[in-house]
Amino acid sequence: MVASQETHPGAGAGVPPEFRDAVSSMQAARLRPEVFCEEMPAPQRIAPYAAALSADVTVDDTDVGTGRIILLHDPAGNDAWEGTFRLVAYTRAEIDLDLVTDPLLASVGWSWLTEALDAHGATYAAASGTVTRVATESFGGMADEGGTAQLEIRASWSPAPEPGAVPGAPLDLAPHIEAWGELLCTAAGLPPVPEGVAVIPSRRGQRGPGH
């Protein structure tokens, strides 16, 4: 699978090698088999170079969560990013309706991201984002459908070299993509993978027979 890459029209034809290396490391991420990941068009005009992935979490042929992650690169640097790279992620998952009123839900949702990044050894800076809970109730002819609730996490952070890394070494984004995949699964309510159990690489771009 090759992450879809976009460049700003004014950026020139040459793609910086550091961006190519970063995209290659995204492709090396190992995700749980419940995560079906594929390329998607990257947004333009946000940064000179961008690559993007989308993913669905599927259990028993039912989608229980979805998300996307975008890599942005500006060789000139960006003060707000504290560097030249930025990751922007979005996660949405169905949750129990009773959880919507839990006052700790937002902070717990944010901790799922930071804990996943730390657990995968993903070094980062300048993290920011929002956690939104959405409840939907049906009325009239749709009253029998009952209520539903969703949790949405929007976050961005700047991937940083590992401590002690050789200056100029390629940036390894695999831990960041794996942390995002774990966030998707946690938000969707999947139990963590037991310690010592190998993670099977995601079937990127495959959604079942015939696709």
N, C-alpha and C. Protein backbone atom coordinates (compact mmCIF):
# COMPACT_ATOMS: atom_id res chain seq x y z
N MET A 1 0.85 -1.19 0.00
CA MET A 1 0.00 0.00 0.00
C MET A 1 0.88 1.24 0.00
N VAL A 2 0.57 2.19 -0.84
CA VAL A 2 1.31 3.44 -0.92
C VAL A 2 0.40 4.57 -0.48
N ALA A 3 0.82 5.29 0.55
CA ALA A 3 0.01 6.40 1.03
C ALA A 3 -0.11 7.45 -0.05
N SER A 4 -1.33 7.96 -0.22
CA SER A 4 -1.56 8.99 -1.22
C SER A 4 -0.78 10.24 -0.85
N GLN A 5 -0.04 10.79 -1.77
CA GLN A 5 0.79 11.95 -1.51
C GLN A 5 0.34 13.12 -2.36
N GLU A 6 0.32 14.29 -1.75
CA GLU A 6 -0.05 15.50 -2.47
C GLU A 6 1.04 16.55 -2.25
N THR A 7 1.27 17.36 -3.26
CA THR A 7 2.19 18.48 -3.14
C THR A 7 1.49 19.74 -3.58
N HIS A 8 1.86 20.85 -2.95
CA HIS A 8 1.30 22.14 -3.33
C HIS A 8 1.80 22.49 -4.73
N PRO A 9 0.94 23.07 -5.59
CA PRO A 9 1.36 23.40 -6.95
C PRO A 9 2.63 24.23 -7.00
N GLY A 10 2.88 25.04 -5.98
CA GLY A 10 4.05 25.89 -6.00
C GLY A 10 5.28 25.26 -5.38
N ALA A 11 5.17 23.96 -4.99
CA ALA A 11 6.26 23.35 -4.26
C ALA A 11 7.34 22.79 -5.18
N GLY A 12 7.06 22.72 -6.48
CA GLY A 12 8.05 22.17 -7.39
C GLY A 12 7.86 20.68 -7.53
N ALA A 13 8.52 20.11 -8.54
CA ALA A 13 8.33 18.70 -8.85
C ALA A 13 9.08 17.79 -7.90
N GLY A 14 10.18 18.27 -7.31
CA GLY A 14 11.00 17.40 -6.47
C GLY A 14 10.39 17.22 -5.10
N VAL A 15 10.24 15.95 -4.68
CA VAL A 15 9.73 15.65 -3.35
C VAL A 15 10.93 15.47 -2.43
N PRO A 16 10.99 16.16 -1.30
CA PRO A 16 12.14 16.04 -0.40
C PRO A 16 12.33 14.60 0.06
N PRO A 17 13.57 14.13 0.11
CA PRO A 17 13.82 12.75 0.55
C PRO A 17 13.34 12.49 1.97
N GLU A 18 13.37 13.51 2.83
CA GLU A 18 12.90 13.30 4.21
C GLU A 18 11.40 13.03 4.25
N PHE A 19 10.67 13.61 3.30
CA PHE A 19 9.23 13.34 3.23
C PHE A 19 8.99 11.93 2.69
N ARG A 20 9.73 11.53 1.65
CA ARG A 20 9.58 10.17 1.12
C ARG A 20 9.91 9.14 2.20
N ASP A 21 10.97 9.39 2.97
CA ASP A 21 11.33 8.46 4.03
C ASP A 21 10.24 8.37 5.09
N ALA A 22 9.65 9.52 5.42
CA ALA A 22 8.60 9.54 6.44
C ALA A 22 7.38 8.75 5.97
N VAL A 23 7.01 8.93 4.70
CA VAL A 23 5.87 8.19 4.15
C VAL A 23 6.17 6.69 4.14
N SER A 24 7.38 6.31 3.78
CA SER A 24 7.76 4.89 3.78
C SER A 24 7.64 4.30 5.18
N SER A 25 8.01 5.06 6.20
CA SER A 25 7.90 4.54 7.56
C SER A 25 6.44 4.41 7.99
N MET A 26 5.56 5.26 7.45
CA MET A 26 4.13 5.10 7.73
C MET A 26 3.64 3.75 7.21
N GLN A 27 4.12 3.37 6.04
CA GLN A 27 3.69 2.12 5.42
C GLN A 27 4.21 0.90 6.16
N ALA A 28 5.25 1.08 6.98
CA ALA A 28 5.83 -0.04 7.72
C ALA A 28 5.10 -0.32 9.02
N ALA A 29 4.10 0.49 9.38
CA ALA A 29 3.38 0.29 10.63
C ALA A 29 2.64 -1.05 10.63
N ARG A 30 2.59 -1.68 11.79
CA ARG A 30 1.89 -2.95 11.97
C ARG A 30 0.62 -2.70 12.79
N LEU A 31 -0.53 -2.92 12.17
CA LEU A 31 -1.81 -2.66 12.82
C LEU A 31 -2.54 -3.95 13.12
N ARG A 32 -3.47 -3.88 14.06
CA ARG A 32 -4.27 -5.05 14.40
C ARG A 32 -5.11 -5.50 13.20
N PRO A 33 -5.43 -6.80 13.12
CA PRO A 33 -6.20 -7.28 11.96
C PRO A 33 -7.59 -6.68 11.87
N GLU A 34 -8.12 -6.14 12.97
CA GLU A 34 -9.44 -5.50 12.91
C GLU A 34 -9.40 -4.15 12.20
N VAL A 35 -8.21 -3.61 11.98
CA VAL A 35 -8.06 -2.29 11.37
C VAL A 35 -7.79 -2.45 9.88
N PHE A 36 -8.72 -1.97 9.07
CA PHE A 36 -8.58 -2.02 7.61
C PHE A 36 -8.15 -0.62 7.15
N CYS A 37 -6.92 -0.53 6.72
CA CYS A 37 -6.30 0.77 6.44
C CYS A 37 -5.98 0.89 4.95
N GLU A 38 -6.20 2.08 4.41
CA GLU A 38 -5.92 2.31 3.00
C GLU A 38 -5.57 3.77 2.78
N GLU A 39 -5.02 4.06 1.61
CA GLU A 39 -4.68 5.43 1.28
C GLU A 39 -5.93 6.25 1.03
N MET A 40 -5.81 7.55 1.18
CA MET A 40 -6.88 8.48 0.85
C MET A 40 -6.25 9.75 0.31
N PRO A 41 -6.99 10.54 -0.47
CA PRO A 41 -6.42 11.79 -0.98
C PRO A 41 -6.03 12.70 0.18
N ALA A 42 -4.84 13.26 0.09
CA ALA A 42 -4.37 14.17 1.13
C ALA A 42 -4.86 15.59 0.84
N PRO A 43 -5.14 16.36 1.89
CA PRO A 43 -5.60 17.74 1.67
C PRO A 43 -4.51 18.59 1.06
N GLN A 44 -4.91 19.55 0.25
CA GLN A 44 -3.97 20.47 -0.37
C GLN A 44 -4.05 21.84 0.31
N ARG A 45 -3.03 22.62 0.10
CA ARG A 45 -2.95 24.01 0.57
C ARG A 45 -2.72 24.13 2.07
N ILE A 46 -2.70 23.03 2.81
CA ILE A 46 -2.38 23.13 4.23
C ILE A 46 -0.88 23.16 4.43
N ALA A 47 -0.18 22.36 3.62
CA ALA A 47 1.27 22.28 3.69
C ALA A 47 1.79 21.93 2.30
N PRO A 48 3.05 22.22 2.00
CA PRO A 48 3.58 21.92 0.67
C PRO A 48 3.52 20.43 0.32
N TYR A 49 3.63 19.55 1.34
CA TYR A 49 3.61 18.11 1.08
C TYR A 49 2.71 17.45 2.11
N ALA A 50 1.95 16.45 1.65
CA ALA A 50 1.03 15.77 2.56
C ALA A 50 0.78 14.35 2.08
N ALA A 51 0.52 13.46 3.02
CA ALA A 51 0.14 12.08 2.75
C ALA A 51 -0.94 11.70 3.75
N ALA A 52 -1.84 10.80 3.36
CA ALA A 52 -2.97 10.51 4.23
C ALA A 52 -3.38 9.05 4.17
N LEU A 53 -3.89 8.56 5.29
CA LEU A 53 -4.44 7.21 5.42
C LEU A 53 -5.81 7.30 6.07
N SER A 54 -6.69 6.38 5.71
CA SER A 54 -7.96 6.24 6.40
C SER A 54 -8.08 4.81 6.89
N ALA A 55 -8.91 4.58 7.90
CA ALA A 55 -9.05 3.24 8.45
C ALA A 55 -10.43 3.05 9.05
N ASP A 56 -10.89 1.81 9.00
CA ASP A 56 -12.11 1.39 9.68
C ASP A 56 -11.77 0.25 10.61
N VAL A 57 -12.40 0.23 11.77
CA VAL A 57 -12.27 -0.89 12.69
C VAL A 57 -13.50 -1.77 12.50
N THR A 58 -13.27 -3.01 12.10
CA THR A 58 -14.37 -3.91 11.76
C THR A 58 -14.34 -5.15 12.65
N VAL A 59 -15.47 -5.45 13.26
CA VAL A 59 -15.62 -6.64 14.09
C VAL A 59 -16.86 -7.40 13.61
N ASP A 60 -16.67 -8.66 13.24
CA ASP A 60 -17.78 -9.48 12.74
C ASP A 60 -18.51 -8.78 11.59
N ASP A 61 -17.73 -8.25 10.66
CA ASP A 61 -18.26 -7.58 9.46
C ASP A 61 -19.04 -6.31 9.76
N THR A 62 -18.88 -5.77 10.96
CA THR A 62 -19.55 -4.53 11.34
C THR A 62 -18.51 -3.46 11.65
N ASP A 63 -18.64 -2.29 11.03
CA ASP A 63 -17.74 -1.19 11.31
C ASP A 63 -18.11 -0.57 12.66
N VAL A 64 -17.16 -0.56 13.58
CA VAL A 64 -17.41 -0.01 14.92
C VAL A 64 -16.61 1.26 15.17
N GLY A 65 -15.75 1.62 14.25
CA GLY A 65 -14.96 2.84 14.40
C GLY A 65 -14.34 3.22 13.08
N THR A 66 -14.01 4.48 12.95
CA THR A 66 -13.39 4.95 11.72
C THR A 66 -12.45 6.10 12.04
N GLY A 67 -11.51 6.36 11.15
CA GLY A 67 -10.59 7.47 11.39
C GLY A 67 -9.72 7.74 10.20
N ARG A 68 -8.92 8.77 10.33
CA ARG A 68 -7.96 9.13 9.29
C ARG A 68 -6.76 9.80 9.96
N ILE A 69 -5.64 9.74 9.30
CA ILE A 69 -4.44 10.43 9.80
C ILE A 69 -3.71 11.04 8.61
N ILE A 70 -3.26 12.27 8.78
CA ILE A 70 -2.65 13.03 7.70
C ILE A 70 -1.26 13.48 8.14
N LEU A 71 -0.29 13.25 7.29
CA LEU A 71 1.06 13.74 7.52
C LEU A 71 1.27 15.01 6.71
N LEU A 72 1.67 16.07 7.38
CA LEU A 72 1.97 17.35 6.73
C LEU A 72 3.46 17.62 6.85
N HIS A 73 4.02 18.20 5.80
CA HIS A 73 5.45 18.54 5.82
C HIS A 73 5.69 19.88 5.16
N ASP A 74 6.36 20.75 5.89
CA ASP A 74 6.77 22.05 5.37
C ASP A 74 8.27 22.18 5.60
N PRO A 75 9.09 22.03 4.56
CA PRO A 75 10.55 22.10 4.73
C PRO A 75 11.02 23.40 5.37
N ALA A 76 10.25 24.47 5.23
CA ALA A 76 10.64 25.76 5.81
C ALA A 76 10.37 25.81 7.31
N GLY A 77 9.65 24.83 7.82
CA GLY A 77 9.33 24.82 9.24
C GLY A 77 8.08 25.61 9.55
N ASN A 78 7.54 25.34 10.73
CA ASN A 78 6.32 26.02 11.17
C ASN A 78 6.43 26.21 12.68
N ASP A 79 6.38 27.44 13.14
CA ASP A 79 6.56 27.73 14.56
C ASP A 79 5.54 27.00 15.42
N ALA A 80 4.30 26.93 14.94
CA ALA A 80 3.26 26.26 15.73
C ALA A 80 3.51 24.77 15.84
N TRP A 81 4.16 24.19 14.82
CA TRP A 81 4.46 22.76 14.84
C TRP A 81 5.68 22.44 15.69
N GLU A 82 6.54 23.43 15.87
CA GLU A 82 7.85 23.21 16.52
C GLU A 82 8.69 22.24 15.70
N GLY A 83 8.58 22.34 14.38
CA GLY A 83 9.34 21.46 13.49
C GLY A 83 8.84 21.58 12.07
N THR A 84 9.17 20.59 11.26
CA THR A 84 8.79 20.60 9.85
C THR A 84 7.72 19.56 9.51
N PHE A 85 7.36 18.70 10.48
CA PHE A 85 6.34 17.69 10.25
C PHE A 85 5.20 17.85 11.26
N ARG A 86 4.00 17.47 10.83
CA ARG A 86 2.84 17.49 11.72
C ARG A 86 1.92 16.34 11.34
N LEU A 87 1.41 15.65 12.33
CA LEU A 87 0.40 14.61 12.13
C LEU A 87 -0.95 15.12 12.63
N VAL A 88 -1.98 14.93 11.82
CA VAL A 88 -3.34 15.34 12.18
C VAL A 88 -4.23 14.11 12.11
N ALA A 89 -4.87 13.77 13.21
CA ALA A 89 -5.64 12.52 13.28
C ALA A 89 -7.08 12.79 13.69
N TYR A 90 -7.95 11.91 13.21
CA TYR A 90 -9.37 11.96 13.56
C TYR A 90 -9.84 10.54 13.85
N THR A 91 -10.61 10.39 14.92
CA THR A 91 -11.16 9.09 15.31
C THR A 91 -12.62 9.25 15.70
N ARG A 92 -13.47 8.34 15.23
CA ARG A 92 -14.88 8.34 15.63
C ARG A 92 -15.29 6.92 15.93
N ALA A 93 -16.00 6.72 17.05
CA ALA A 93 -16.42 5.37 17.43
C ALA A 93 -17.77 5.43 18.13
N GLU A 94 -18.54 4.36 17.96
CA GLU A 94 -19.80 4.23 18.68
C GLU A 94 -19.52 3.90 20.14
N ILE A 95 -20.26 4.51 21.06
CA ILE A 95 -20.12 4.22 22.49
C ILE A 95 -21.49 4.01 23.10
N ASP A 96 -21.52 3.44 24.29
CA ASP A 96 -22.78 3.26 25.00
C ASP A 96 -23.40 4.62 25.30
N LEU A 97 -24.70 4.72 25.14
CA LEU A 97 -25.39 5.99 25.35
C LEU A 97 -25.18 6.50 26.77
N ASP A 98 -25.09 5.61 27.73
CA ASP A 98 -24.93 6.00 29.13
C ASP A 98 -23.61 6.74 29.38
N LEU A 99 -22.62 6.50 28.52
CA LEU A 99 -21.31 7.12 28.74
C LEU A 99 -21.28 8.60 28.38
N VAL A 100 -22.24 9.06 27.61
CA VAL A 100 -22.23 10.45 27.15
C VAL A 100 -22.24 11.42 28.32
N THR A 101 -22.89 11.09 29.41
CA THR A 101 -23.00 12.00 30.55
C THR A 101 -21.85 11.85 31.53
N ASP A 102 -20.92 10.95 31.28
CA ASP A 102 -19.79 10.75 32.18
C ASP A 102 -18.87 11.96 32.10
N PRO A 103 -18.68 12.69 33.20
CA PRO A 103 -17.85 13.91 33.13
C PRO A 103 -16.38 13.63 32.84
N LEU A 104 -15.94 12.41 33.02
CA LEU A 104 -14.54 12.06 32.78
C LEU A 104 -14.28 11.54 31.37
N LEU A 105 -15.34 11.39 30.58
CA LEU A 105 -15.18 10.77 29.28
C LEU A 105 -14.19 11.51 28.39
N ALA A 106 -14.26 12.83 28.34
CA ALA A 106 -13.38 13.59 27.46
C ALA A 106 -11.91 13.42 27.85
N SER A 107 -11.61 13.56 29.14
CA SER A 107 -10.22 13.44 29.58
C SER A 107 -9.71 12.02 29.39
N VAL A 108 -10.57 11.04 29.60
CA VAL A 108 -10.18 9.65 29.38
C VAL A 108 -9.90 9.42 27.89
N GLY A 109 -10.76 9.96 27.03
CA GLY A 109 -10.55 9.82 25.59
C GLY A 109 -9.23 10.41 25.15
N TRP A 110 -8.86 11.56 25.70
CA TRP A 110 -7.58 12.17 25.34
C TRP A 110 -6.41 11.31 25.86
N SER A 111 -6.59 10.75 27.06
CA SER A 111 -5.52 9.92 27.61
C SER A 111 -5.28 8.67 26.78
N TRP A 112 -6.32 8.18 26.07
CA TRP A 112 -6.12 7.02 25.19
C TRP A 112 -5.07 7.34 24.13
N LEU A 113 -5.09 8.56 23.62
CA LEU A 113 -4.11 8.95 22.60
C LEU A 113 -2.71 9.06 23.20
N THR A 114 -2.57 9.84 24.25
CA THR A 114 -1.24 10.06 24.82
C THR A 114 -0.63 8.76 25.35
N GLU A 115 -1.46 7.92 25.95
CA GLU A 115 -0.95 6.65 26.46
C GLU A 115 -0.53 5.73 25.32
N ALA A 116 -1.27 5.75 24.21
CA ALA A 116 -0.91 4.93 23.05
C ALA A 116 0.40 5.40 22.45
N LEU A 117 0.58 6.72 22.34
CA LEU A 117 1.83 7.25 21.82
C LEU A 117 3.01 6.85 22.70
N ASP A 118 2.82 6.98 24.01
CA ASP A 118 3.89 6.62 24.93
C ASP A 118 4.18 5.12 24.89
N ALA A 119 3.13 4.31 24.82
CA ALA A 119 3.30 2.85 24.83
C ALA A 119 4.06 2.37 23.59
N HIS A 120 3.89 3.06 22.48
CA HIS A 120 4.56 2.66 21.25
C HIS A 120 5.91 3.36 21.05
N GLY A 121 6.31 4.14 22.04
CA GLY A 121 7.59 4.82 21.94
C GLY A 121 7.63 5.91 20.90
N ALA A 122 6.48 6.54 20.66
CA ALA A 122 6.39 7.61 19.66
C ALA A 122 6.74 8.94 20.33
N THR A 123 7.86 9.51 19.96
CA THR A 123 8.30 10.79 20.52
C THR A 123 7.57 11.93 19.80
N TYR A 124 7.05 12.88 20.57
CA TYR A 124 6.24 13.93 19.94
C TYR A 124 6.33 15.22 20.74
N ALA A 125 5.83 16.30 20.14
CA ALA A 125 5.78 17.60 20.78
C ALA A 125 4.52 18.33 20.34
N ALA A 126 4.17 19.37 21.11
CA ALA A 126 3.08 20.29 20.75
C ALA A 126 1.77 19.57 20.43
N ALA A 127 1.38 18.63 21.27
CA ALA A 127 0.11 17.92 21.05
C ALA A 127 -1.07 18.81 21.43
N SER A 128 -2.11 18.75 20.63
CA SER A 128 -3.33 19.51 20.92
C SER A 128 -4.51 18.79 20.28
N GLY A 129 -5.71 19.12 20.74
CA GLY A 129 -6.88 18.48 20.13
C GLY A 129 -8.14 18.67 20.93
N THR A 130 -9.18 18.01 20.50
CA THR A 130 -10.49 18.08 21.14
C THR A 130 -11.10 16.68 21.23
N VAL A 131 -11.95 16.51 22.22
CA VAL A 131 -12.74 15.29 22.37
C VAL A 131 -14.21 15.70 22.44
N THR A 132 -15.00 15.15 21.54
CA THR A 132 -16.41 15.52 21.44
C THR A 132 -17.29 14.30 21.60
N ARG A 133 -18.34 14.43 22.39
CA ARG A 133 -19.32 13.35 22.52
C ARG A 133 -20.62 13.81 21.87
N VAL A 134 -21.21 12.93 21.11
CA VAL A 134 -22.43 13.27 20.37
C VAL A 134 -23.51 12.24 20.69
N ALA A 135 -24.66 12.72 21.14
CA ALA A 135 -25.80 11.84 21.43
C ALA A 135 -26.93 12.15 20.46
N THR A 136 -27.56 11.10 19.95
CA THR A 136 -28.65 11.26 19.00
C THR A 136 -29.88 10.51 19.51
N GLU A 137 -31.01 11.18 19.54
CA GLU A 137 -32.27 10.56 19.94
C GLU A 137 -33.27 10.67 18.78
N SER A 138 -34.08 9.64 18.63
CA SER A 138 -35.05 9.60 17.53
C SER A 138 -36.46 9.81 18.06
N PHE A 139 -37.31 10.44 17.23
CA PHE A 139 -38.67 10.76 17.65
C PHE A 139 -39.65 10.43 16.54
N GLY A 140 -40.92 10.47 16.86
CA GLY A 140 -41.97 10.23 15.89
C GLY A 140 -41.88 8.84 15.31
N GLY A 141 -41.91 8.78 13.98
CA GLY A 141 -41.87 7.50 13.30
C GLY A 141 -40.56 6.75 13.48
N MET A 142 -39.54 7.46 13.98
CA MET A 142 -38.24 6.81 14.17
C MET A 142 -37.95 6.52 15.64
N ALA A 143 -38.95 6.71 16.50
CA ALA A 143 -38.72 6.56 17.93
C ALA A 143 -38.27 5.16 18.32
N ASP A 144 -38.69 4.16 17.55
CA ASP A 144 -38.32 2.78 17.88
C ASP A 144 -36.84 2.50 17.68
N GLU A 145 -36.15 3.38 16.97
CA GLU A 145 -34.73 3.14 16.70
C GLU A 145 -33.85 3.41 17.91
N GLY A 146 -34.38 4.09 18.92
CA GLY A 146 -33.61 4.34 20.12
C GLY A 146 -32.51 5.36 19.91
N GLY A 147 -31.74 5.61 20.96
CA GLY A 147 -30.68 6.60 20.89
C GLY A 147 -29.33 5.98 20.57
N THR A 148 -28.44 6.78 20.05
CA THR A 148 -27.07 6.36 19.76
C THR A 148 -26.11 7.42 20.28
N ALA A 149 -24.87 7.03 20.46
CA ALA A 149 -23.86 7.97 20.93
C ALA A 149 -22.53 7.67 20.25
N GLN A 150 -21.76 8.72 20.01
CA GLN A 150 -20.46 8.59 19.37
C GLN A 150 -19.43 9.44 20.11
N LEU A 151 -18.21 9.00 20.05
CA LEU A 151 -17.09 9.76 20.59
C LEU A 151 -16.18 10.14 19.43
N GLU A 152 -15.83 11.42 19.34
CA GLU A 152 -14.95 11.90 18.29
C GLU A 152 -13.70 12.53 18.91
N ILE A 153 -12.55 12.11 18.43
CA ILE A 153 -11.28 12.64 18.91
C ILE A 153 -10.54 13.25 17.73
N ARG A 154 -10.25 14.52 17.83
CA ARG A 154 -9.44 15.21 16.83
C ARG A 154 -8.15 15.66 17.50
N ALA A 155 -7.04 15.32 16.91
CA ALA A 155 -5.77 15.62 17.56
C ALA A 155 -4.69 15.90 16.53
N SER A 156 -3.70 16.65 16.93
CA SER A 156 -2.52 16.85 16.10
C SER A 156 -1.30 16.91 17.00
N TRP A 157 -0.18 16.47 16.47
CA TRP A 157 1.07 16.50 17.22
C TRP A 157 2.23 16.47 16.23
N SER A 158 3.38 16.88 16.71
CA SER A 158 4.58 16.93 15.86
C SER A 158 5.48 15.75 16.20
N PRO A 159 5.67 14.83 15.26
CA PRO A 159 6.58 13.71 15.51
C PRO A 159 8.00 14.23 15.64
N ALA A 160 8.73 13.68 16.58
CA ALA A 160 10.09 14.14 16.83
C ALA A 160 11.05 12.96 16.79
N PRO A 161 12.33 13.22 16.51
CA PRO A 161 13.31 12.13 16.51
C PRO A 161 13.40 11.48 17.89
N GLU A 162 13.72 10.21 17.92
CA GLU A 162 13.91 9.52 19.18
C GLU A 162 15.11 10.11 19.91
N PRO A 163 15.07 10.11 21.26
CA PRO A 163 16.23 10.60 22.01
C PRO A 163 17.50 9.85 21.62
N GLY A 164 18.55 10.57 21.34
CA GLY A 164 19.80 9.94 20.97
C GLY A 164 19.92 9.62 19.50
N ALA A 165 18.89 9.96 18.71
CA ALA A 165 18.95 9.67 17.27
C ALA A 165 20.03 10.50 16.60
N VAL A 166 20.63 9.93 15.58
CA VAL A 166 21.67 10.64 14.83
C VAL A 166 21.04 11.83 14.11
N PRO A 167 21.60 13.02 14.23
CA PRO A 167 21.03 14.19 13.52
C PRO A 167 20.91 13.92 12.02
N GLY A 168 19.75 14.23 11.48
CA GLY A 168 19.51 14.02 10.07
C GLY A 168 19.01 12.63 9.71
N ALA A 169 18.87 11.75 10.72
CA ALA A 169 18.37 10.40 10.46
C ALA A 169 16.90 10.47 10.04
N PRO A 170 16.44 9.55 9.18
CA PRO A 170 15.03 9.56 8.76
C PRO A 170 14.09 9.48 9.95
N LEU A 171 12.98 10.19 9.85
CA LEU A 171 11.97 10.19 10.91
C LEU A 171 11.13 8.92 10.80
N ASP A 172 11.04 8.17 11.89
CA ASP A 172 10.28 6.92 11.90
C ASP A 172 8.86 7.20 12.39
N LEU A 173 7.88 7.11 11.49
CA LEU A 173 6.50 7.38 11.84
C LEU A 173 5.71 6.12 12.15
N ALA A 174 6.30 4.95 11.99
CA ALA A 174 5.56 3.71 12.26
C ALA A 174 4.98 3.69 13.67
N PRO A 175 5.72 4.07 14.73
CA PRO A 175 5.13 4.06 16.07
C PRO A 175 3.93 4.99 16.19
N HIS A 176 3.95 6.09 15.47
CA HIS A 176 2.84 7.04 15.53
C HIS A 176 1.59 6.45 14.85
N ILE A 177 1.77 5.79 13.72
CA ILE A 177 0.64 5.18 13.03
C ILE A 177 0.09 4.02 13.86
N GLU A 178 0.97 3.26 14.48
CA GLU A 178 0.51 2.16 15.33
C GLU A 178 -0.24 2.67 16.54
N ALA A 179 0.20 3.80 17.11
CA ALA A 179 -0.51 4.40 18.24
C ALA A 179 -1.89 4.88 17.81
N TRP A 180 -1.97 5.49 16.62
CA TRP A 180 -3.27 5.91 16.10
C TRP A 180 -4.18 4.70 15.89
N GLY A 181 -3.65 3.60 15.38
CA GLY A 181 -4.44 2.38 15.23
C GLY A 181 -4.94 1.85 16.56
N GLU A 182 -4.09 1.94 17.58
CA GLU A 182 -4.52 1.50 18.91
C GLU A 182 -5.62 2.40 19.45
N LEU A 183 -5.50 3.71 19.20
CA LEU A 183 -6.54 4.65 19.62
C LEU A 183 -7.87 4.28 18.98
N LEU A 184 -7.86 3.96 17.69
CA LEU A 184 -9.08 3.56 17.00
C LEU A 184 -9.73 2.36 17.70
N CYS A 185 -8.91 1.37 18.02
CA CYS A 185 -9.44 0.15 18.64
C CYS A 185 -9.94 0.40 20.06
N THR A 186 -9.20 1.20 20.82
CA THR A 186 -9.62 1.50 22.19
C THR A 186 -10.93 2.26 22.21
N ALA A 187 -11.05 3.27 21.35
CA ALA A 187 -12.28 4.05 21.29
C ALA A 187 -13.46 3.19 20.88
N ALA A 188 -13.21 2.18 20.03
CA ALA A 188 -14.28 1.29 19.58
C ALA A 188 -14.61 0.21 20.60
N GLY A 189 -13.86 0.17 21.71
CA GLY A 189 -14.17 -0.77 22.77
C GLY A 189 -13.51 -2.13 22.66
N LEU A 190 -12.52 -2.27 21.77
CA LEU A 190 -11.82 -3.54 21.64
C LEU A 190 -10.86 -3.72 22.82
N PRO A 191 -10.75 -4.92 23.35
CA PRO A 191 -9.81 -5.15 24.43
C PRO A 191 -8.38 -5.06 23.92
N PRO A 192 -7.43 -4.70 24.78
CA PRO A 192 -6.03 -4.61 24.34
C PRO A 192 -5.48 -5.97 23.96
N VAL A 193 -4.49 -5.97 23.08
CA VAL A 193 -3.84 -7.21 22.70
C VAL A 193 -3.03 -7.71 23.89
N PRO A 194 -3.20 -8.98 24.31
CA PRO A 194 -2.45 -9.49 25.46
C PRO A 194 -0.95 -9.39 25.23
N GLU A 195 -0.22 -9.12 26.30
CA GLU A 195 1.23 -9.00 26.20
C GLU A 195 1.83 -10.31 25.70
N GLY A 196 2.74 -10.21 24.76
CA GLY A 196 3.38 -11.39 24.21
C GLY A 196 2.72 -11.93 22.96
N VAL A 197 1.53 -11.41 22.62
CA VAL A 197 0.83 -11.84 21.42
C VAL A 197 1.27 -10.96 20.26
N ALA A 198 1.69 -11.56 19.18
CA ALA A 198 2.17 -10.80 18.02
C ALA A 198 1.00 -10.13 17.32
N VAL A 199 1.24 -8.91 16.85
CA VAL A 199 0.24 -8.17 16.09
C VAL A 199 0.40 -8.51 14.62
N ILE A 200 -0.68 -8.97 13.99
CA ILE A 200 -0.65 -9.32 12.58
C ILE A 200 -0.74 -8.04 11.76
N PRO A 201 0.09 -7.87 10.74
CA PRO A 201 0.00 -6.66 9.92
C PRO A 201 -1.40 -6.50 9.33
N SER A 202 -1.87 -5.27 9.32
CA SER A 202 -3.20 -4.99 8.76
C SER A 202 -3.25 -5.31 7.29
N ARG A 203 -4.40 -5.83 6.85
CA ARG A 203 -4.62 -6.06 5.41
C ARG A 203 -4.98 -4.73 4.78
N ARG A 204 -3.97 -3.92 4.51
CA ARG A 204 -4.20 -2.56 4.06
C ARG A 204 -4.93 -2.55 2.73
N GLY A 205 -6.00 -1.79 2.68
CA GLY A 205 -6.73 -1.64 1.44
C GLY A 205 -7.68 -2.76 1.13
N GLN A 206 -7.76 -3.79 1.97
CA GLN A 206 -8.65 -4.91 1.71
C GLN A 206 -9.84 -4.84 2.65
N ARG A 207 -11.01 -5.00 2.11
CA ARG A 207 -12.22 -4.91 2.91
C ARG A 207 -13.09 -6.15 2.77
N GLY A 208 -12.52 -7.21 2.32
CA GLY A 208 -13.30 -8.45 2.23
C GLY A 208 -13.24 -9.02 0.83
N PRO A 209 -13.81 -10.20 0.64
CA PRO A 209 -13.78 -10.84 -0.67
C PRO A 209 -14.37 -9.96 -1.76
N GLY A 210 -13.69 -9.96 -2.88
CA GLY A 210 -14.21 -9.21 -4.03
C GLY A 210 -13.76 -7.79 -4.09
N HIS A 211 -12.96 -7.33 -3.08
CA HIS A 211 -12.49 -5.94 -3.07
C HIS A 211 -11.00 -5.92 -3.28
